[in-house]
Amino acid sequence: MIELAPERIAEAAGARVVRAEEGGEPHPRRAEADSRRARPGDLFFGLRGERTDGGRFAAEVLRAGAWGAVVSPETSADAAAAGRGWVFESEDPLRSLQDLAREWRRALGARVVGVTGSTGKTSVKDITRALLPWRVHASPENFNTEVGLPLAVLGAEPGTEVLVLEMAMRGMGQIAELCAIAEPDVGAITNVGPVHLELLGTIEAIAEAKAEILQGLGPEGRAVVPADAEALEPHLGDELPTITFGPGGDVFAREVERREGATVALIVTPAGEARFELPFTEEHNLTNALAAVAIGVALGAEPAAMVPRAASISFSRLRGERLQLPGDIALVNDCYNANPISMRAALKNLATLSARRHVAVLGGMAELGPEGPAYHREIGALARGLGIGPVIGVGELARDYAPDEWAPDPQAAVEVADGLLESGDAVLVKGSRSVGLEAFTEGLRARRGGGGADA
């Protein structure tokens, strides 16, 4: 529930009331920008897109029970003609969405954590949400853009004590824009790596873009960064309180023991140490957990208060999701995205799994610029060095892995994999989002007779 009066919504959003609804619900339940997902009680934002103005769907959404709609001047008359709900007219509905989110963030009075990085930001967000000993609201799935982040903020319920918000970046100025909405108290950078090189050119430029989250902190702000991120050093001043994580950092793990499906580690922090039992075995997720614990310490949580909450850690869909297929085939569905850092981590994890063979279905890694082929060759060599095979490449970029088999698209890859997989295999599915490898996983499960999540 967004507990702001209609008049305050109009003022915060820089909009004018075109139609008022008398006697209805005093507040909207949440905000939505996709008419297909809008529900009764929602405040719908009709955003302008490349092909159409979302305000064209406002009347339909209002008739279906939406609380109200924020639309452009071109569509406000049609929206008001629906005959129900609040209708607000804005010259820029996207800016209105962002400004209203900032107003609700301030009204909540919650502390805000912003999480960005080349890889791992969604997993760090997921772990942080579970570990923090307060009433937490976090970005759902990948609500991490100039549209998704304000929607995530507006989804927070009254009484929320901490907001954990993922922040995506594809160019300079984008993290700064998100910080202007979220006004973070803690800025966490998971890592800096060769992601979006095609757009930014160098690792130093990527670090500069990520470091906008540090510049977006308030006067009481704190930074959480990896201990080994040398590219960030020029952006860390002595005046900014900073907690580092990982080997050689302020927050690190020792006495690490991996058991069936779990990692037990003594995590040492400036606020004390505690033994955590974490429901995963991947090395990269232990690093993500260290980042999450560092965020907790930055907010004032004691490690012991986070320990009992570790059992509730769960990850967003398509990120290291474990599936069991008939024929004793284990599938790691990690196909949300890929870059050299995350690909290396996923392959190394695959090689540790108990299996007859380790099979990799790899889509290409996008936006790597001129060095893209070299990065793909490096990953292919790593897979072979780890004893992984066969490797099935999917899409044009994946030819540079020098795979054992190649398919032009996910559907064709299903045919290839179905003929290769044998009982007892472990399969990694990973590639950039543009490859759409979730279609491979769905197709293979359908071909092989389904398969549920691995408990």
Protein backbone atom coordinates (compact mmCIF):
# COMPACT_ATOMS: atom_id res chain seq x y z
CA MET A 1 0.00 0.00 0.00
CA ILE A 2 1.39 3.39 -1.03
CA GLU A 3 0.04 5.47 1.83
CA LEU A 4 0.11 8.83 0.09
CA ALA A 5 -3.01 10.91 -0.46
CA PRO A 6 -4.02 11.54 -4.10
CA GLU A 7 -3.13 15.21 -3.79
CA ARG A 8 0.32 14.34 -2.46
CA ILE A 9 0.80 11.82 -5.28
CA ALA A 10 -0.03 14.55 -7.81
CA GLU A 11 2.37 17.00 -6.20
CA ALA A 12 5.22 14.52 -5.87
CA ALA A 13 4.73 13.23 -9.41
CA GLY A 14 4.56 16.72 -10.91
CA ALA A 15 1.16 15.87 -12.37
CA ARG A 16 -2.30 17.43 -12.35
CA VAL A 17 -5.53 15.69 -11.46
CA VAL A 18 -7.72 15.18 -14.52
CA ARG A 19 -10.27 12.97 -12.83
CA ALA A 20 -10.87 12.41 -9.11
CA GLU A 21 -12.51 9.30 -7.68
CA GLU A 22 -14.77 10.04 -4.74
CA GLY A 23 -15.50 7.45 -2.08
CA GLY A 24 -13.04 4.82 -3.25
CA GLU A 25 -9.87 3.47 -1.66
CA PRO A 26 -7.76 6.35 -0.30
CA HIS A 27 -4.44 4.90 -1.49
CA PRO A 28 -3.14 2.72 -4.34
CA ARG A 29 -1.84 -0.72 -3.46
CA ARG A 30 1.24 -0.60 -5.65
CA ALA A 31 2.58 0.85 -8.91
CA GLU A 32 2.67 -0.91 -12.28
CA ALA A 33 3.90 0.11 -15.73
CA ASP A 34 2.82 -2.98 -17.70
CA SER A 35 -0.90 -3.01 -18.49
CA ARG A 36 -0.79 -6.81 -18.80
CA ARG A 37 0.30 -7.15 -15.17
CA ALA A 38 -1.88 -4.40 -13.70
CA ARG A 39 -4.25 -5.52 -10.95
CA PRO A 40 -7.22 -3.94 -9.20
CA GLY A 41 -6.02 -1.25 -6.80
CA ASP A 42 -2.84 -0.46 -8.75
CA LEU A 43 -1.58 2.94 -9.83
CA PHE A 44 -0.78 2.46 -13.50
CA PHE A 45 1.92 4.50 -15.23
CA GLY A 46 1.42 4.82 -18.97
CA LEU A 47 5.01 5.23 -20.13
CA ARG A 48 5.97 6.36 -23.59
CA GLY A 49 7.85 3.70 -25.53
CA GLU A 50 9.58 3.52 -28.89
CA ARG A 51 6.47 2.14 -30.58
CA THR A 52 3.53 3.30 -28.53
CA ASP A 53 2.36 5.40 -25.59
CA GLY A 54 1.43 3.17 -22.69
CA GLY A 55 -1.28 5.64 -21.74
CA ARG A 56 -3.34 4.17 -24.58
CA PHE A 57 -4.04 1.21 -22.29
CA ALA A 58 -4.99 3.27 -19.24
CA ALA A 59 -8.75 3.24 -19.88
CA GLU A 60 -8.72 -0.56 -20.13
CA VAL A 61 -6.71 -0.86 -16.92
CA LEU A 62 -9.00 1.55 -15.07
CA ARG A 63 -12.13 -0.32 -16.17
CA ALA A 64 -10.51 -3.49 -14.83
CA GLY A 65 -10.26 -1.92 -11.37
CA ALA A 66 -7.01 0.01 -11.22
CA TRP A 67 -6.94 2.71 -8.52
CA GLY A 68 -5.61 5.30 -10.92
CA ALA A 69 -3.35 6.11 -13.84
CA VAL A 70 -0.57 8.60 -14.62
CA VAL A 71 -0.62 9.34 -18.34
CA SER A 72 0.59 11.81 -20.94
CA PRO A 73 -1.51 14.78 -22.11
CA GLU A 74 -2.13 12.95 -25.38
CA THR A 75 -3.90 10.07 -23.62
CA SER A 76 -5.40 11.70 -20.50
CA ALA A 77 -8.81 12.40 -22.09
CA ASP A 78 -9.26 8.77 -23.12
CA ALA A 79 -8.20 7.62 -19.65
CA ALA A 80 -10.67 9.97 -17.95
CA ALA A 81 -13.42 8.70 -20.27
CA ALA A 82 -13.15 5.29 -18.59
CA GLY A 83 -15.37 6.81 -15.91
CA ARG A 84 -13.59 5.47 -12.87
CA GLY A 85 -10.34 5.84 -10.92
CA TRP A 86 -7.95 8.73 -10.41
CA VAL A 87 -6.37 10.10 -13.58
CA PHE A 88 -3.22 12.20 -13.38
CA GLU A 89 -1.76 14.01 -16.38
CA SER A 90 2.01 14.34 -16.65
CA GLU A 91 4.26 15.73 -19.35
CA ASP A 92 6.72 12.92 -18.53
CA PRO A 93 5.12 9.85 -16.87
CA LEU A 94 8.52 8.18 -16.42
CA ARG A 95 9.86 11.15 -14.49
CA SER A 96 6.64 11.14 -12.47
CA LEU A 97 7.20 7.47 -11.61
CA GLN A 98 10.74 8.19 -10.46
CA ASP A 99 9.81 11.29 -8.47
CA LEU A 100 6.94 9.51 -6.74
CA ALA A 101 9.26 6.64 -5.83
CA ARG A 102 11.68 9.07 -4.21
CA GLU A 103 8.82 10.63 -2.25
CA TRP A 104 7.68 7.20 -1.01
CA ARG A 105 11.26 6.26 -0.10
CA ARG A 106 11.42 9.38 2.09
CA ALA A 107 7.97 8.78 3.56
CA LEU A 108 8.95 5.25 4.57
CA GLY A 109 11.98 6.52 6.45
CA ALA A 110 13.72 3.24 5.64
CA ARG A 111 17.43 2.90 5.18
CA VAL A 112 18.41 2.08 1.61
CA VAL A 113 21.07 -0.28 0.27
CA GLY A 114 22.05 0.06 -3.38
CA VAL A 115 23.78 -2.97 -4.93
CA THR A 116 25.61 -2.85 -8.25
CA GLY A 117 28.48 -4.71 -9.87
CA SER A 118 29.58 -6.52 -12.99
CA THR A 119 28.31 -9.86 -11.69
CA GLY A 120 26.56 -11.19 -8.62
CA LYS A 121 24.40 -8.18 -7.80
CA THR A 122 21.13 -10.13 -7.89
CA SER A 123 22.56 -12.92 -5.74
CA VAL A 124 24.02 -10.42 -3.25
CA LYS A 125 20.63 -8.72 -3.11
CA ASP A 126 18.91 -12.08 -2.52
CA ILE A 127 21.32 -13.08 0.27
CA THR A 128 21.17 -9.63 1.88
CA ARG A 129 17.36 -9.70 1.90
CA ALA A 130 17.48 -13.01 3.78
CA LEU A 131 20.21 -12.13 6.29
CA LEU A 132 19.23 -8.65 7.49
CA PRO A 133 17.45 -8.79 10.87
CA TRP A 134 14.91 -6.11 10.05
CA ARG A 135 11.77 -5.75 7.99
CA VAL A 136 13.27 -5.78 4.50
CA HIS A 137 11.88 -5.09 1.04
CA ALA A 138 14.09 -5.94 -1.93
CA SER A 139 13.91 -5.50 -5.67
CA PRO A 140 11.93 -8.38 -7.17
CA GLU A 141 13.80 -10.37 -9.83
CA ASN A 142 15.71 -7.85 -11.98
CA PHE A 143 13.83 -4.61 -11.20
CA ASN A 144 17.07 -2.67 -11.50
CA THR A 145 16.58 -0.06 -14.25
CA GLU A 146 15.20 3.47 -14.48
CA VAL A 147 11.74 1.86 -14.68
CA GLY A 148 12.21 -1.24 -12.52
CA LEU A 149 13.91 0.42 -9.55
CA PRO A 150 11.16 2.99 -8.86
CA LEU A 151 8.55 0.24 -9.21
CA ALA A 152 10.51 -1.78 -6.65
CA VAL A 153 10.54 1.18 -4.23
CA LEU A 154 6.81 1.73 -4.66
CA GLY A 155 6.24 -1.94 -3.86
CA ALA A 156 7.55 -1.48 -0.32
CA GLU A 157 4.92 -1.75 2.39
CA PRO A 158 4.54 0.77 5.21
CA GLY A 159 6.78 -0.27 8.10
CA THR A 160 9.64 -1.36 5.84
CA GLU A 161 12.90 -0.73 7.69
CA VAL A 162 15.44 -1.47 4.97
CA LEU A 163 15.18 -1.30 1.17
CA VAL A 164 17.68 -3.43 -0.76
CA LEU A 165 17.75 -2.22 -4.36
CA GLU A 166 19.65 -3.68 -7.27
CA MET A 167 21.10 -1.12 -9.71
CA ALA A 168 21.97 -2.02 -13.29
CA MET A 169 24.40 -0.11 -15.46
CA ARG A 170 25.01 -0.01 -19.21
CA GLY A 171 26.63 3.42 -19.50
CA MET A 172 27.84 6.51 -17.70
CA GLY A 173 25.26 8.38 -15.66
CA GLN A 174 22.81 5.52 -15.22
CA ILE A 175 23.80 4.57 -11.67
CA ALA A 176 23.75 8.28 -10.76
CA GLU A 177 20.19 8.48 -12.09
CA LEU A 178 19.13 5.51 -9.96
CA CYS A 179 20.85 6.97 -6.88
CA ALA A 180 18.93 10.22 -7.36
CA ILE A 181 15.74 8.17 -6.97
CA ALA A 182 16.82 5.77 -4.21
CA GLU A 183 19.13 8.04 -2.17
CA PRO A 184 21.12 5.06 -0.80
CA ASP A 185 22.66 4.98 2.66
CA VAL A 186 24.90 2.03 1.78
CA GLY A 187 26.44 1.59 -1.66
CA ALA A 188 27.70 -1.93 -2.40
CA ILE A 189 29.77 -2.88 -5.45
CA THR A 190 30.07 -6.65 -5.90
CA ASN A 191 32.98 -6.53 -8.37
CA VAL A 192 34.28 -4.78 -11.48
CA GLY A 193 34.91 -6.81 -14.61
CA PRO A 194 34.78 -6.86 -18.42
CA VAL A 195 31.07 -6.30 -18.83
CA HIS A 196 29.68 -3.71 -21.28
CA LEU A 197 33.15 -3.18 -22.71
CA GLU A 198 31.51 -2.62 -26.08
CA LEU A 199 29.88 0.51 -24.64
CA LEU A 200 32.47 1.76 -22.14
CA GLY A 201 35.74 0.61 -23.66
CA THR A 202 37.93 -0.04 -20.59
CA ILE A 203 37.80 -1.61 -17.13
CA GLU A 204 38.67 1.82 -15.70
CA ALA A 205 35.60 3.33 -17.37
CA ILE A 206 33.43 0.51 -16.02
CA ALA A 207 34.79 1.16 -12.52
CA GLU A 208 34.05 4.87 -12.90
CA ALA A 209 30.46 4.12 -13.92
CA LYS A 210 29.97 1.69 -11.02
CA ALA A 211 31.53 4.19 -8.59
CA GLU A 212 28.65 6.58 -9.24
CA ILE A 213 26.90 4.65 -6.46
CA LEU A 214 29.54 5.91 -4.03
CA GLN A 215 29.11 9.49 -5.18
CA GLY A 216 25.36 9.07 -4.72
CA LEU A 217 25.63 8.36 -0.99
CA GLY A 218 24.48 10.87 1.57
CA PRO A 219 26.73 12.46 4.20
CA GLU A 220 26.30 9.45 6.51
CA GLY A 221 26.79 6.95 3.70
CA ARG A 222 28.93 3.83 3.82
CA ALA A 223 30.58 1.85 1.03
CA VAL A 224 30.93 -1.92 0.70
CA VAL A 225 33.47 -3.02 -1.91
CA PRO A 226 35.62 -6.07 -2.70
CA ALA A 227 39.07 -6.08 -1.16
CA ASP A 228 40.75 -6.88 -4.47
CA ALA A 229 39.04 -4.30 -6.71
CA GLU A 230 42.04 -2.16 -7.61
CA ALA A 231 40.09 -0.32 -10.29
CA LEU A 232 37.90 1.20 -7.56
CA GLU A 233 40.75 2.65 -5.51
CA PRO A 234 40.71 6.08 -7.23
CA HIS A 235 37.06 6.43 -6.22
CA LEU A 236 37.49 5.60 -2.53
CA GLY A 237 38.48 8.59 -0.43
CA ASP A 238 39.57 8.54 3.20
CA GLU A 239 36.43 10.47 4.15
CA LEU A 240 34.09 7.67 2.97
CA PRO A 241 33.61 4.91 5.58
CA THR A 242 34.30 1.70 3.68
CA ILE A 243 34.00 -2.00 4.52
CA THR A 244 35.86 -4.42 2.25
CA PHE A 245 35.02 -8.09 1.79
CA GLY A 246 36.89 -11.14 0.55
CA PRO A 247 40.44 -12.39 1.22
CA GLY A 248 42.46 -9.60 2.79
CA GLY A 249 39.34 -7.57 3.52
CA ASP A 250 37.44 -6.49 6.62
CA VAL A 251 34.90 -9.29 6.16
CA PHE A 252 36.33 -12.69 5.25
CA ALA A 253 35.75 -16.42 5.73
CA ARG A 254 37.91 -19.00 7.41
CA GLU A 255 37.45 -22.62 8.52
CA VAL A 256 35.37 -23.20 5.38
CA GLU A 257 33.79 -26.65 5.14
CA ARG A 258 31.51 -27.86 2.35
CA ARG A 259 28.89 -30.41 3.21
CA GLU A 260 26.06 -31.91 1.19
CA GLY A 261 24.32 -28.86 -0.28
CA ALA A 262 25.78 -26.41 2.24
CA THR A 263 28.84 -24.34 3.13
CA VAL A 264 29.80 -23.85 6.76
CA ALA A 265 32.19 -20.98 7.39
CA LEU A 266 33.38 -18.80 10.21
CA ILE A 267 32.84 -15.27 8.91
CA VAL A 268 35.01 -12.62 10.54
CA THR A 269 33.90 -8.97 10.56
CA PRO A 270 34.81 -5.72 12.34
CA ALA A 271 31.68 -6.29 14.47
CA GLY A 272 32.68 -9.78 15.56
CA GLU A 273 32.66 -13.25 14.07
CA ALA A 274 30.04 -15.98 13.72
CA ARG A 275 29.71 -19.40 12.12
CA PHE A 276 27.26 -19.47 9.23
CA GLU A 277 25.69 -22.48 7.56
CA LEU A 278 24.84 -21.30 4.06
CA PRO A 279 22.51 -23.36 1.81
CA PHE A 280 24.83 -23.56 -1.20
CA THR A 281 28.27 -24.88 -2.10
CA GLU A 282 29.44 -22.52 -4.86
CA GLU A 283 32.62 -20.58 -4.13
CA HIS A 284 31.29 -17.46 -5.86
CA ASN A 285 28.17 -17.49 -3.69
CA LEU A 286 30.35 -17.61 -0.57
CA THR A 287 31.91 -14.38 -1.85
CA ASN A 288 28.41 -13.00 -2.43
CA ALA A 289 27.52 -13.95 1.15
CA LEU A 290 30.56 -12.07 2.44
CA ALA A 291 29.31 -8.99 0.58
CA ALA A 292 25.87 -9.42 2.14
CA VAL A 293 27.31 -9.80 5.65
CA ALA A 294 29.43 -6.68 5.04
CA ILE A 295 26.26 -4.81 4.08
CA GLY A 296 24.65 -5.98 7.32
CA VAL A 297 27.63 -4.75 9.33
CA ALA A 298 27.53 -1.42 7.49
CA LEU A 299 23.91 -1.06 8.65
CA GLY A 300 24.80 -1.95 12.24
CA ALA A 301 23.77 -5.62 12.39
CA GLU A 302 25.74 -8.05 14.52
CA PRO A 303 26.88 -11.20 12.70
CA ALA A 304 25.21 -13.41 15.30
CA ALA A 305 21.86 -11.81 14.48
CA MET A 306 22.25 -12.81 10.83
CA VAL A 307 23.26 -16.44 11.44
CA PRO A 308 19.78 -17.93 12.08
CA ARG A 309 18.44 -16.25 8.95
CA ALA A 310 20.88 -17.96 6.58
CA ALA A 311 18.63 -20.99 6.11
CA SER A 312 16.05 -18.77 4.37
CA ILE A 313 18.41 -17.74 1.55
CA SER A 314 16.92 -18.39 -1.87
CA PHE A 315 17.96 -17.14 -5.29
CA SER A 316 16.03 -15.47 -8.06
CA ARG A 317 14.91 -17.63 -10.96
CA LEU A 318 17.45 -18.63 -13.67
CA ARG A 319 20.44 -17.93 -11.40
CA GLY A 320 22.09 -21.19 -10.45
CA GLU A 321 18.72 -22.93 -10.31
CA ARG A 322 19.17 -26.68 -9.73
CA LEU A 323 16.87 -29.00 -11.68
CA GLN A 324 16.74 -32.78 -11.77
CA LEU A 325 15.87 -34.42 -15.09
CA PRO A 326 14.80 -38.04 -15.60
CA GLY A 327 17.73 -40.37 -16.10
CA ASP A 328 19.64 -38.97 -13.13
CA ILE A 329 20.69 -35.85 -15.05
CA ALA A 330 21.42 -32.77 -12.93
CA LEU A 331 20.93 -29.42 -14.67
CA VAL A 332 22.24 -26.09 -13.40
CA ASN A 333 20.01 -23.44 -14.97
CA ASP A 334 22.16 -20.30 -14.77
CA CYS A 335 21.02 -18.73 -18.02
CA TYR A 336 19.92 -15.27 -16.91
CA ASN A 337 23.13 -13.65 -18.13
CA ALA A 338 26.82 -14.26 -18.67
CA ASN A 339 30.17 -12.51 -18.85
CA PRO A 340 33.75 -13.74 -18.42
CA ILE A 341 33.68 -13.45 -14.61
CA SER A 342 30.41 -15.29 -14.06
CA MET A 343 31.19 -17.85 -16.78
CA ARG A 344 34.47 -18.80 -15.11
CA ALA A 345 32.76 -19.17 -11.74
CA ALA A 346 29.94 -21.28 -13.18
CA LEU A 347 32.32 -23.62 -15.03
CA LYS A 348 34.52 -24.08 -11.97
CA ASN A 349 31.43 -24.91 -9.93
CA LEU A 350 30.23 -27.37 -12.59
CA ALA A 351 33.56 -29.19 -12.43
CA THR A 352 33.12 -29.78 -8.67
CA LEU A 353 29.76 -31.54 -9.02
CA SER A 354 29.63 -35.29 -8.56
CA ALA A 355 28.71 -36.57 -12.01
CA ARG A 356 29.59 -39.06 -14.73
CA ARG A 357 30.35 -36.23 -17.19
CA HIS A 358 30.25 -32.46 -16.94
CA VAL A 359 28.42 -31.01 -19.94
CA ALA A 360 28.21 -27.28 -20.73
CA VAL A 361 25.59 -25.65 -22.94
CA LEU A 362 27.06 -22.19 -23.48
CA GLY A 363 25.53 -19.23 -25.25
CA GLY A 364 27.68 -16.32 -26.31
CA MET A 365 28.72 -13.46 -24.03
CA ALA A 366 27.46 -10.16 -25.43
CA GLU A 367 28.83 -6.59 -25.30
CA LEU A 368 32.50 -7.50 -24.91
CA GLY A 369 33.68 -5.32 -27.77
CA PRO A 370 36.70 -6.13 -29.99
CA GLU A 371 38.15 -8.49 -27.37
CA GLY A 372 35.00 -10.63 -27.41
CA PRO A 373 36.45 -13.50 -29.48
CA ALA A 374 39.51 -13.70 -27.21
CA TYR A 375 37.31 -13.86 -24.08
CA HIS A 376 35.28 -16.67 -25.67
CA ARG A 377 38.42 -18.61 -26.60
CA GLU A 378 39.69 -18.20 -23.04
CA ILE A 379 36.44 -19.60 -21.62
CA GLY A 380 36.51 -22.52 -24.06
CA ALA A 381 40.08 -23.32 -23.02
CA LEU A 382 39.11 -23.10 -19.35
CA ALA A 383 36.26 -25.58 -19.87
CA ARG A 384 38.59 -28.06 -21.56
CA GLY A 385 41.22 -27.56 -18.87
CA LEU A 386 38.63 -28.39 -16.21
CA GLY A 387 37.73 -31.60 -18.00
CA ILE A 388 34.31 -30.34 -19.03
CA GLY A 389 32.82 -31.88 -22.14
CA PRO A 390 31.09 -32.09 -24.39
CA VAL A 391 30.63 -28.34 -24.76
CA ILE A 392 27.64 -27.26 -26.85
CA GLY A 393 27.84 -23.72 -28.19
CA VAL A 394 24.64 -21.80 -28.95
CA GLY A 395 24.55 -18.78 -31.28
CA GLU A 396 27.15 -17.11 -33.48
CA LEU A 397 29.31 -15.72 -30.67
CA ALA A 398 29.58 -19.21 -29.17
CA ARG A 399 31.56 -20.48 -32.18
CA ASP A 400 34.62 -18.89 -30.57
CA TYR A 401 34.44 -21.33 -27.64
CA ALA A 402 35.57 -23.95 -30.20
CA PRO A 403 32.73 -26.15 -28.90
CA ASP A 404 32.40 -29.87 -29.50
CA GLU A 405 28.94 -29.25 -30.95
CA TRP A 406 27.26 -26.07 -32.14
CA ALA A 407 23.65 -24.99 -32.62
CA PRO A 408 22.36 -21.73 -34.12
CA ASP A 409 19.64 -21.20 -31.48
CA PRO A 410 18.22 -22.69 -28.26
CA GLN A 411 15.62 -24.81 -30.03
CA ALA A 412 18.26 -26.44 -32.23
CA ALA A 413 20.44 -26.93 -29.14
CA VAL A 414 17.69 -29.04 -27.56
CA GLU A 415 17.99 -31.50 -30.45
CA VAL A 416 21.78 -31.63 -30.09
CA ALA A 417 21.76 -32.04 -26.31
CA ASP A 418 18.99 -34.63 -26.30
CA GLY A 419 21.16 -36.86 -28.47
CA LEU A 420 24.26 -36.38 -26.32
CA LEU A 421 23.13 -36.48 -22.69
CA GLU A 422 23.53 -39.68 -20.75
CA SER A 423 22.48 -40.91 -17.33
CA GLY A 424 24.54 -39.39 -14.52
CA ASP A 425 25.55 -36.24 -16.44
CA ALA A 426 25.67 -32.77 -14.85
CA VAL A 427 24.75 -29.97 -17.27
CA LEU A 428 25.43 -26.24 -17.02
CA VAL A 429 23.24 -23.91 -19.09
CA LYS A 430 24.66 -20.39 -19.30
CA GLY A 431 24.83 -17.51 -21.74
CA SER A 432 23.98 -13.84 -22.19
CA ARG A 433 20.35 -12.84 -21.84
CA SER A 434 20.08 -12.09 -25.54
CA VAL A 435 20.64 -15.78 -26.36
CA GLY A 436 17.42 -16.77 -24.55
CA LEU A 437 18.70 -20.07 -23.16
CA GLU A 438 15.69 -20.41 -20.86
CA ALA A 439 13.98 -21.73 -24.01
CA PHE A 440 16.64 -24.47 -24.15
CA THR A 441 15.97 -25.49 -20.55
CA GLU A 442 12.21 -25.52 -21.07
CA GLY A 443 12.55 -27.48 -24.30
CA LEU A 444 14.91 -30.04 -22.82
CA ARG A 445 12.66 -30.55 -19.80
CA ALA A 446 9.68 -31.06 -22.09
CA ARG A 447 11.67 -33.51 -24.25
CA ARG A 448 12.99 -35.43 -21.26
CA GLY A 449 9.72 -35.56 -19.39
CA GLY A 450 9.87 -32.52 -17.12
CA GLY A 451 11.83 -32.60 -13.90
CA GLY A 452 11.48 -30.60 -10.72
CA ALA A 453 13.73 -28.44 -8.62
CA ASP A 454 16.48 -30.30 -6.84
CA ALA A 455 15.77 -30.28 -3.14
